[in-house]
Amino acid sequence: LMASISSSLLVRDTPFWAGIIVCLVAYLGLFML
């Protein structure tokens, strides 16, 4: 949603990458547990 406001925003200012990494960790944890 933050990235959709302006096309000139840097990747560090729209941390969707942090959410993707946490989701991958959660998927591995759900499979293991």
PDB file of all heavy atoms in Angstrom:
ATOM      1  N   LEU A   1       0.829  -1.207   0.000  1.00  0.00           N
ATOM      2  CA  LEU A   1       0.000   0.000   0.000  1.00  0.00           C
ATOM      3  C   LEU A   1       0.863   1.255   0.000  1.00  0.00           C
ATOM      4  O   LEU A   1       0.540   2.244  -0.668  1.00  0.00           O
ATOM      5  CB  LEU A   1      -0.932  -0.008   1.213  1.00  0.00           C
ATOM      6  CG  LEU A   1      -2.087  -1.014   1.190  1.00  0.00           C
ATOM      7  CD1 LEU A   1      -2.868  -0.968   2.498  1.00  0.00           C
ATOM      8  CD2 LEU A   1      -3.025  -0.754   0.010  1.00  0.00           C
ATOM      9  N   MET A   2       1.961   1.223   0.732  1.00  0.00           N
ATOM     10  CA  MET A   2       2.874   2.366   0.745  1.00  0.00           C
ATOM     11  C   MET A   2       3.528   2.553  -0.623  1.00  0.00           C
ATOM     12  O   MET A   2       3.709   3.681  -1.083  1.00  0.00           O
ATOM     13  CB  MET A   2       3.947   2.157   1.822  1.00  0.00           C
ATOM     14  CG  MET A   2       3.408   2.156   3.235  1.00  0.00           C
ATOM     15  SD  MET A   2       4.642   1.637   4.449  1.00  0.00           S
ATOM     16  CE  MET A   2       5.792   2.999   4.356  1.00  0.00           C
ATOM     17  N   ALA A   3       3.896   1.448  -1.274  1.00  0.00           N
ATOM     18  CA  ALA A   3       4.519   1.545  -2.590  1.00  0.00           C
ATOM     19  C   ALA A   3       3.565   2.095  -3.640  1.00  0.00           C
ATOM     20  O   ALA A   3       4.006   2.682  -4.646  1.00  0.00           O
ATOM     21  CB  ALA A   3       5.041   0.177  -3.019  1.00  0.00           C
ATOM     22  N   SER A   4       2.262   1.899  -3.435  1.00  0.00           N
ATOM     23  CA  SER A   4       1.287   2.398  -4.418  1.00  0.00           C
ATOM     24  C   SER A   4       1.062   3.900  -4.326  1.00  0.00           C
ATOM     25  O   SER A   4       0.456   4.495  -5.222  1.00  0.00           O
ATOM     26  CB  SER A   4      -0.046   1.672  -4.227  1.00  0.00           C
ATOM     27  OG  SER A   4      -0.612   1.993  -2.960  1.00  0.00           O
ATOM     28  N   ILE A   5       1.535   4.546  -3.264  1.00  0.00           N
ATOM     29  CA  ILE A   5       1.325   5.991  -3.124  1.00  0.00           C
ATOM     30  C   ILE A   5       2.195   6.760  -4.112  1.00  0.00           C
ATOM     31  O   ILE A   5       1.744   7.705  -4.765  1.00  0.00           O
ATOM     32  CB  ILE A   5       1.618   6.423  -1.669  1.00  0.00           C
ATOM     33  CG1 ILE A   5       0.574   5.817  -0.725  1.00  0.00           C
ATOM     34  CG2 ILE A   5       1.607   7.943  -1.549  1.00  0.00           C
ATOM     35  CD1 ILE A   5       0.811   6.142   0.730  1.00  0.00           C
ATOM     36  N   SER A   6       3.461   6.357  -4.227  1.00  0.00           N
ATOM     37  CA  SER A   6       4.383   7.055  -5.114  1.00  0.00           C
ATOM     38  C   SER A   6       5.340   6.052  -5.736  1.00  0.00           C
ATOM     39  O   SER A   6       5.789   5.095  -5.067  1.00  0.00           O
ATOM     40  CB  SER A   6       5.166   8.131  -4.342  1.00  0.00           C
ATOM     41  OG  SER A   6       6.151   8.722  -5.170  1.00  0.00           O
ATOM     42  N   SER A   7       5.673   6.277  -6.997  1.00  0.00           N
ATOM     43  CA  SER A   7       6.579   5.376  -7.693  1.00  0.00           C
ATOM     44  C   SER A   7       8.047   5.667  -7.401  1.00  0.00           C
ATOM     45  O   SER A   7       8.921   4.887  -7.780  1.00  0.00           O
ATOM     46  CB  SER A   7       6.339   5.470  -9.204  1.00  0.00           C
ATOM     47  OG  SER A   7       6.570   6.801  -9.666  1.00  0.00           O
ATOM     48  N   SER A   8       8.331   6.773  -6.746  1.00  0.00           N
ATOM     49  CA  SER A   8       9.717   7.148  -6.460  1.00  0.00           C
ATOM     50  C   SER A   8      10.175   6.715  -5.073  1.00  0.00           C
ATOM     51  O   SER A   8      11.308   7.034  -4.681  1.00  0.00           O
ATOM     52  CB  SER A   8       9.894   8.656  -6.599  1.00  0.00           C
ATOM     53  OG  SER A   8       9.064   9.339  -5.673  1.00  0.00           O
ATOM     54  N   LEU A   9       9.338   6.019  -4.333  1.00  0.00           N
ATOM     55  CA  LEU A   9       9.739   5.568  -3.004  1.00  0.00           C
ATOM     56  C   LEU A   9      10.779   4.460  -3.111  1.00  0.00           C
ATOM     57  O   LEU A   9      10.689   3.570  -3.965  1.00  0.00           O
ATOM     58  CB  LEU A   9       8.521   5.061  -2.233  1.00  0.00           C
ATOM     59  CG  LEU A   9       7.533   6.124  -1.760  1.00  0.00           C
ATOM     60  CD1 LEU A   9       6.282   5.474  -1.190  1.00  0.00           C
ATOM     61  CD2 LEU A   9       8.183   7.031  -0.706  1.00  0.00           C
ATOM     62  N   LEU A  10      11.772   4.514  -2.227  1.00  0.00           N
ATOM     63  CA  LEU A  10      12.811   3.495  -2.205  1.00  0.00           C
ATOM     64  C   LEU A  10      12.286   2.199  -1.607  1.00  0.00           C
ATOM     65  O   LEU A  10      11.270   2.187  -0.885  1.00  0.00           O
ATOM     66  CB  LEU A  10      14.016   4.003  -1.411  1.00  0.00           C
ATOM     67  CG  LEU A  10      14.699   5.274  -1.941  1.00  0.00           C
ATOM     68  CD1 LEU A  10      15.823   5.698  -1.006  1.00  0.00           C
ATOM     69  CD2 LEU A  10      15.224   5.051  -3.353  1.00  0.00           C
ATOM     70  N   VAL A  11      12.998   1.124  -1.896  1.00  0.00           N
ATOM     71  CA  VAL A  11      12.580  -0.182  -1.379  1.00  0.00           C
ATOM     72  C   VAL A  11      12.662  -0.215   0.143  1.00  0.00           C
ATOM     73  O   VAL A  11      11.840  -0.834   0.813  1.00  0.00           O
ATOM     74  CB  VAL A  11      13.449  -1.296  -2.002  1.00  0.00           C
ATOM     75  CG1 VAL A  11      13.076  -2.661  -1.430  1.00  0.00           C
ATOM     76  CG2 VAL A  11      13.293  -1.306  -3.510  1.00  0.00           C
ATOM     77  N   ARG A  12      13.633   0.488   0.696  1.00  0.00           N
ATOM     78  CA  ARG A  12      13.776   0.483   2.159  1.00  0.00           C
ATOM     79  C   ARG A  12      12.616   1.200   2.850  1.00  0.00           C
ATOM     80  O   ARG A  12      12.359   0.970   4.028  1.00  0.00           O
ATOM     81  CB  ARG A  12      15.095   1.140   2.552  1.00  0.00           C
ATOM     82  CG  ARG A  12      15.146   2.626   2.273  1.00  0.00           C
ATOM     83  CD  ARG A  12      16.464   3.238   2.709  1.00  0.00           C
ATOM     84  NE  ARG A  12      16.451   4.680   2.569  1.00  0.00           N
ATOM     85  CZ  ARG A  12      17.495   5.464   2.862  1.00  0.00           C
ATOM     86  NH1 ARG A  12      18.619   4.911   3.279  1.00  0.00           N
ATOM     87  NH2 ARG A  12      17.403   6.780   2.715  1.00  0.00           N
ATOM     88  N   ASP A  13      11.948   2.118   2.107  1.00  0.00           N
ATOM     89  CA  ASP A  13      10.834   2.862   2.688  1.00  0.00           C
ATOM     90  C   ASP A  13       9.513   2.104   2.603  1.00  0.00           C
ATOM     91  O   ASP A  13       8.524   2.522   3.208  1.00  0.00           O
ATOM     92  CB  ASP A  13      10.687   4.214   1.985  1.00  0.00           C
ATOM     93  CG  ASP A  13      11.909   5.098   2.188  1.00  0.00           C
ATOM     94  OD1 ASP A  13      12.528   5.000   3.268  1.00  0.00           O
ATOM     95  OD2 ASP A  13      12.257   5.863   1.268  1.00  0.00           O
ATOM     96  N   THR A  14       9.476   1.023   1.849  1.00  0.00           N
ATOM     97  CA  THR A  14       8.264   0.188   1.750  1.00  0.00           C
ATOM     98  C   THR A  14       8.649  -1.252   2.125  1.00  0.00           C
ATOM     99  O   THR A  14       8.881  -2.086   1.246  1.00  0.00           O
ATOM    100  CB  THR A  14       7.705   0.228   0.324  1.00  0.00           C
ATOM    101  OG1 THR A  14       8.731  -0.207  -0.581  1.00  0.00           O
ATOM    102  CG2 THR A  14       7.282   1.634  -0.048  1.00  0.00           C
ATOM    103  N   PRO A  15       8.727  -1.551   3.390  1.00  0.00           N
ATOM    104  CA  PRO A  15       9.324  -2.829   3.838  1.00  0.00           C
ATOM    105  C   PRO A  15       8.409  -4.046   3.668  1.00  0.00           C
ATOM    106  O   PRO A  15       8.177  -4.807   4.610  1.00  0.00           O
ATOM    107  CB  PRO A  15       9.633  -2.559   5.311  1.00  0.00           C
ATOM    108  CG  PRO A  15       8.616  -1.567   5.727  1.00  0.00           C
ATOM    109  CD  PRO A  15       8.352  -0.699   4.537  1.00  0.00           C
ATOM    110  N   PHE A  16       7.890  -4.238   2.462  1.00  0.00           N
ATOM    111  CA  PHE A  16       7.152  -5.469   2.204  1.00  0.00           C
ATOM    112  C   PHE A  16       8.085  -6.674   2.225  1.00  0.00           C
ATOM    113  O   PHE A  16       7.655  -7.804   2.483  1.00  0.00           O
ATOM    114  CB  PHE A  16       6.436  -5.380   0.853  1.00  0.00           C
ATOM    115  CG  PHE A  16       7.344  -5.103  -0.309  1.00  0.00           C
ATOM    116  CD1 PHE A  16       7.987  -6.132  -0.973  1.00  0.00           C
ATOM    117  CD2 PHE A  16       7.553  -3.799  -0.744  1.00  0.00           C
ATOM    118  CE1 PHE A  16       8.831  -5.880  -2.044  1.00  0.00           C
ATOM    119  CE2 PHE A  16       8.398  -3.544  -1.818  1.00  0.00           C
ATOM    120  CZ  PHE A  16       9.044  -4.583  -2.463  1.00  0.00           C
ATOM    121  N   TRP A  17       9.375  -6.439   1.970  1.00  0.00           N
ATOM    122  CA  TRP A  17      10.361  -7.516   1.982  1.00  0.00           C
ATOM    123  C   TRP A  17      10.509  -8.118   3.375  1.00  0.00           C
ATOM    124  O   TRP A  17      10.750  -9.322   3.512  1.00  0.00           O
ATOM    125  CB  TRP A  17      11.714  -6.991   1.488  1.00  0.00           C
ATOM    126  CG  TRP A  17      12.022  -5.604   1.932  1.00  0.00           C
ATOM    127  CD1 TRP A  17      11.698  -4.451   1.292  1.00  0.00           C
ATOM    128  CD2 TRP A  17      12.714  -5.212   3.123  1.00  0.00           C
ATOM    129  NE1 TRP A  17      12.141  -3.359   2.002  1.00  0.00           N
ATOM    130  CE2 TRP A  17      12.775  -3.800   3.120  1.00  0.00           C
ATOM    131  CE3 TRP A  17      13.290  -5.909   4.174  1.00  0.00           C
ATOM    132  CZ2 TRP A  17      13.384  -3.077   4.148  1.00  0.00           C
ATOM    133  CZ3 TRP A  17      13.905  -5.198   5.198  1.00  0.00           C
ATOM    134  CH2 TRP A  17      13.945  -3.802   5.184  1.00  0.00           C
ATOM    135  N   ALA A  18      10.360  -7.287   4.394  1.00  0.00           N
ATOM    136  CA  ALA A  18      10.415  -7.814   5.766  1.00  0.00           C
ATOM    137  C   ALA A  18       9.238  -8.742   6.043  1.00  0.00           C
ATOM    138  O   ALA A  18       9.393  -9.798   6.667  1.00  0.00           O
ATOM    139  CB  ALA A  18      10.432  -6.659   6.769  1.00  0.00           C
ATOM    140  N   GLY A  19       8.057  -8.370   5.568  1.00  0.00           N
ATOM    141  CA  GLY A  19       6.886  -9.225   5.764  1.00  0.00           C
ATOM    142  C   GLY A  19       6.998 -10.542   5.027  1.00  0.00           C
ATOM    143  O   GLY A  19       6.581 -11.586   5.533  1.00  0.00           O
ATOM    144  N   ILE A  20       7.583 -10.515   3.812  1.00  0.00           N
ATOM    145  CA  ILE A  20       7.739 -11.757   3.047  1.00  0.00           C
ATOM    146  C   ILE A  20       8.680 -12.711   3.770  1.00  0.00           C
ATOM    147  O   ILE A  20       8.432 -13.922   3.851  1.00  0.00           O
ATOM    148  CB  ILE A  20       8.242 -11.430   1.630  1.00  0.00           C
ATOM    149  CG1 ILE A  20       7.162 -10.664   0.849  1.00  0.00           C
ATOM    150  CG2 ILE A  20       8.626 -12.706   0.885  1.00  0.00           C
ATOM    151  CD1 ILE A  20       7.614 -10.186  -0.510  1.00  0.00           C
ATOM    152  N   ILE A  21       9.773 -12.183   4.319  1.00  0.00           N
ATOM    153  CA  ILE A  21      10.719 -13.037   5.048  1.00  0.00           C
ATOM    154  C   ILE A  21      10.064 -13.635   6.285  1.00  0.00           C
ATOM    155  O   ILE A  21      10.220 -14.830   6.582  1.00  0.00           O
ATOM    156  CB  ILE A  21      11.974 -12.227   5.410  1.00  0.00           C
ATOM    157  CG1 ILE A  21      12.733 -11.851   4.138  1.00  0.00           C
ATOM    158  CG2 ILE A  21      12.873 -13.014   6.352  1.00  0.00           C
ATOM    159  CD1 ILE A  21      13.926 -10.955   4.381  1.00  0.00           C
ATOM    160  N   VAL A  22       9.303 -12.837   7.018  1.00  0.00           N
ATOM    161  CA  VAL A  22       8.629 -13.352   8.219  1.00  0.00           C
ATOM    162  C   VAL A  22       7.584 -14.400   7.836  1.00  0.00           C
ATOM    163  O   VAL A  22       7.400 -15.394   8.548  1.00  0.00           O
ATOM    164  CB  VAL A  22       8.003 -12.187   9.002  1.00  0.00           C
ATOM    165  CG1 VAL A  22       7.179 -12.712  10.179  1.00  0.00           C
ATOM    166  CG2 VAL A  22       9.084 -11.249   9.522  1.00  0.00           C
ATOM    167  N   CYS A  23       6.911 -14.218   6.715  1.00  0.00           N
ATOM    168  CA  CYS A  23       5.943 -15.229   6.260  1.00  0.00           C
ATOM    169  C   CYS A  23       6.633 -16.547   5.922  1.00  0.00           C
ATOM    170  O   CYS A  23       6.112 -17.630   6.241  1.00  0.00           O
ATOM    171  CB  CYS A  23       5.180 -14.707   5.041  1.00  0.00           C
ATOM    172  SG  CYS A  23       3.935 -13.450   5.401  1.00  0.00           S
ATOM    173  N   LEU A  24       7.797 -16.482   5.284  1.00  0.00           N
ATOM    174  CA  LEU A  24       8.541 -17.710   4.979  1.00  0.00           C
ATOM    175  C   LEU A  24       8.961 -18.428   6.257  1.00  0.00           C
ATOM    176  O   LEU A  24       8.878 -19.663   6.354  1.00  0.00           O
ATOM    177  CB  LEU A  24       9.768 -17.374   4.133  1.00  0.00           C
ATOM    178  CG  LEU A  24       9.498 -16.874   2.707  1.00  0.00           C
ATOM    179  CD1 LEU A  24      10.806 -16.505   2.016  1.00  0.00           C
ATOM    180  CD2 LEU A  24       8.738 -17.920   1.903  1.00  0.00           C
ATOM    181  N   VAL A  25       9.387 -17.665   7.253  1.00  0.00           N
ATOM    182  CA  VAL A  25       9.734 -18.267   8.547  1.00  0.00           C
ATOM    183  C   VAL A  25       8.512 -18.923   9.172  1.00  0.00           C
ATOM    184  O   VAL A  25       8.585 -20.028   9.722  1.00  0.00           O
ATOM    185  CB  VAL A  25      10.329 -17.199   9.482  1.00  0.00           C
ATOM    186  CG1 VAL A  25      10.642 -17.790  10.850  1.00  0.00           C
ATOM    187  CG2 VAL A  25      11.591 -16.605   8.892  1.00  0.00           C
ATOM    188  N   ALA A  26       7.369 -18.249   9.082  1.00  0.00           N
ATOM    189  CA  ALA A  26       6.143 -18.793   9.675  1.00  0.00           C
ATOM    190  C   ALA A  26       5.699 -20.072   8.971  1.00  0.00           C
ATOM    191  O   ALA A  26       5.253 -21.024   9.620  1.00  0.00           O
ATOM    192  CB  ALA A  26       5.031 -17.747   9.620  1.00  0.00           C
ATOM    193  N   TYR A  27       5.820 -20.122   7.637  1.00  0.00           N
ATOM    194  CA  TYR A  27       5.432 -21.334   6.905  1.00  0.00           C
ATOM    195  C   TYR A  27       6.301 -22.519   7.316  1.00  0.00           C
ATOM    196  O   TYR A  27       5.799 -23.632   7.501  1.00  0.00           O
ATOM    197  CB  TYR A  27       5.541 -21.094   5.401  1.00  0.00           C
ATOM    198  CG  TYR A  27       4.452 -20.223   4.838  1.00  0.00           C
ATOM    199  CD1 TYR A  27       4.724 -19.250   3.878  1.00  0.00           C
ATOM    200  CD2 TYR A  27       3.140 -20.358   5.275  1.00  0.00           C
ATOM    201  CE1 TYR A  27       3.721 -18.444   3.370  1.00  0.00           C
ATOM    202  CE2 TYR A  27       2.132 -19.552   4.770  1.00  0.00           C
ATOM    203  CZ  TYR A  27       2.428 -18.595   3.822  1.00  0.00           C
ATOM    204  OH  TYR A  27       1.420 -17.800   3.332  1.00  0.00           O
ATOM    205  N   LEU A  28       7.600 -22.288   7.468  1.00  0.00           N
ATOM    206  CA  LEU A  28       8.478 -23.364   7.918  1.00  0.00           C
ATOM    207  C   LEU A  28       8.118 -23.800   9.335  1.00  0.00           C
ATOM    208  O   LEU A  28       8.087 -24.999   9.640  1.00  0.00           O
ATOM    209  CB  LEU A  28       9.932 -22.905   7.865  1.00  0.00           C
ATOM    210  CG  LEU A  28      10.970 -23.920   8.366  1.00  0.00           C
ATOM    211  CD1 LEU A  28      10.947 -25.179   7.519  1.00  0.00           C
ATOM    212  CD2 LEU A  28      12.361 -23.305   8.383  1.00  0.00           C
ATOM    213  N   GLY A  29       7.823 -22.830  10.204  1.00  0.00           N
ATOM    214  CA  GLY A  29       7.434 -23.177  11.572  1.00  0.00           C
ATOM    215  C   GLY A  29       6.130 -23.944  11.635  1.00  0.00           C
ATOM    216  O   GLY A  29       6.003 -24.900  12.405  1.00  0.00           O
ATOM    217  N   LEU A  30       5.156 -23.552  10.834  1.00  0.00           N
ATOM    218  CA  LEU A  30       3.882 -24.276  10.826  1.00  0.00           C
ATOM    219  C   LEU A  30       4.067 -25.701  10.321  1.00  0.00           C
ATOM    220  O   LEU A  30       3.477 -26.646  10.866  1.00  0.00           O
ATOM    221  CB  LEU A  30       2.871 -23.532   9.949  1.00  0.00           C
ATOM    222  CG  LEU A  30       2.328 -22.213  10.504  1.00  0.00           C
ATOM    223  CD1 LEU A  30       1.463 -21.514   9.472  1.00  0.00           C
ATOM    224  CD2 LEU A  30       1.541 -22.455  11.785  1.00  0.00           C
ATOM    225  N   PHE A  31       4.873 -25.877   9.286  1.00  0.00           N
ATOM    226  CA  PHE A  31       5.118 -27.225   8.773  1.00  0.00           C
ATOM    227  C   PHE A  31       5.824 -28.084   9.819  1.00  0.00           C
ATOM    228  O   PHE A  31       5.465 -29.249  10.036  1.00  0.00           O
ATOM    229  CB  PHE A  31       5.962 -27.153   7.502  1.00  0.00           C
ATOM    230  CG  PHE A  31       6.295 -28.501   6.930  1.00  0.00           C
ATOM    231  CD1 PHE A  31       5.352 -29.222   6.207  1.00  0.00           C
ATOM    232  CD2 PHE A  31       7.553 -29.060   7.125  1.00  0.00           C
ATOM    233  CE1 PHE A  31       5.654 -30.473   5.695  1.00  0.00           C
ATOM    234  CE2 PHE A  31       7.868 -30.301   6.612  1.00  0.00           C
ATOM    235  CZ  PHE A  31       6.919 -31.012   5.895  1.00  0.00           C
ATOM    236  N   MET A  32       6.820 -27.515  10.479  1.00  0.00           N
ATOM    237  CA  MET A  32       7.576 -28.275  11.463  1.00  0.00           C
ATOM    238  C   MET A  32       6.733 -28.602  12.695  1.00  0.00           C
ATOM    239  O   MET A  32       6.742 -29.729  13.193  1.00  0.00           O
ATOM    240  CB  MET A  32       8.813 -27.488  11.887  1.00  0.00           C
ATOM    241  CG  MET A  32       9.678 -28.191  12.924  1.00  0.00           C
ATOM    242  SD  MET A  32      10.995 -27.125  13.532  1.00  0.00           S
ATOM    243  CE  MET A  32      10.032 -25.913  14.455  1.00  0.00           C
ATOM    244  N   LEU A  33       5.979 -27.628  13.195  1.00  0.00           N
ATOM    245  CA  LEU A  33       5.247 -27.809  14.444  1.00  0.00           C
ATOM    246  C   LEU A  33       3.978 -28.628  14.264  1.00  0.00           C
ATOM    247  O   LEU A  33       3.515 -29.267  15.198  1.00  0.00           O
ATOM    248  CB  LEU A  33       4.905 -26.442  15.038  1.00  0.00           C
ATOM    249  CG  LEU A  33       6.118 -25.596  15.432  1.00  0.00           C
ATOM    250  CD1 LEU A  33       5.678 -24.192  15.791  1.00  0.00           C
ATOM    251  CD2 LEU A  33       6.846 -26.227  16.607  1.00  0.00           C
TER     252      LEU A  33
END
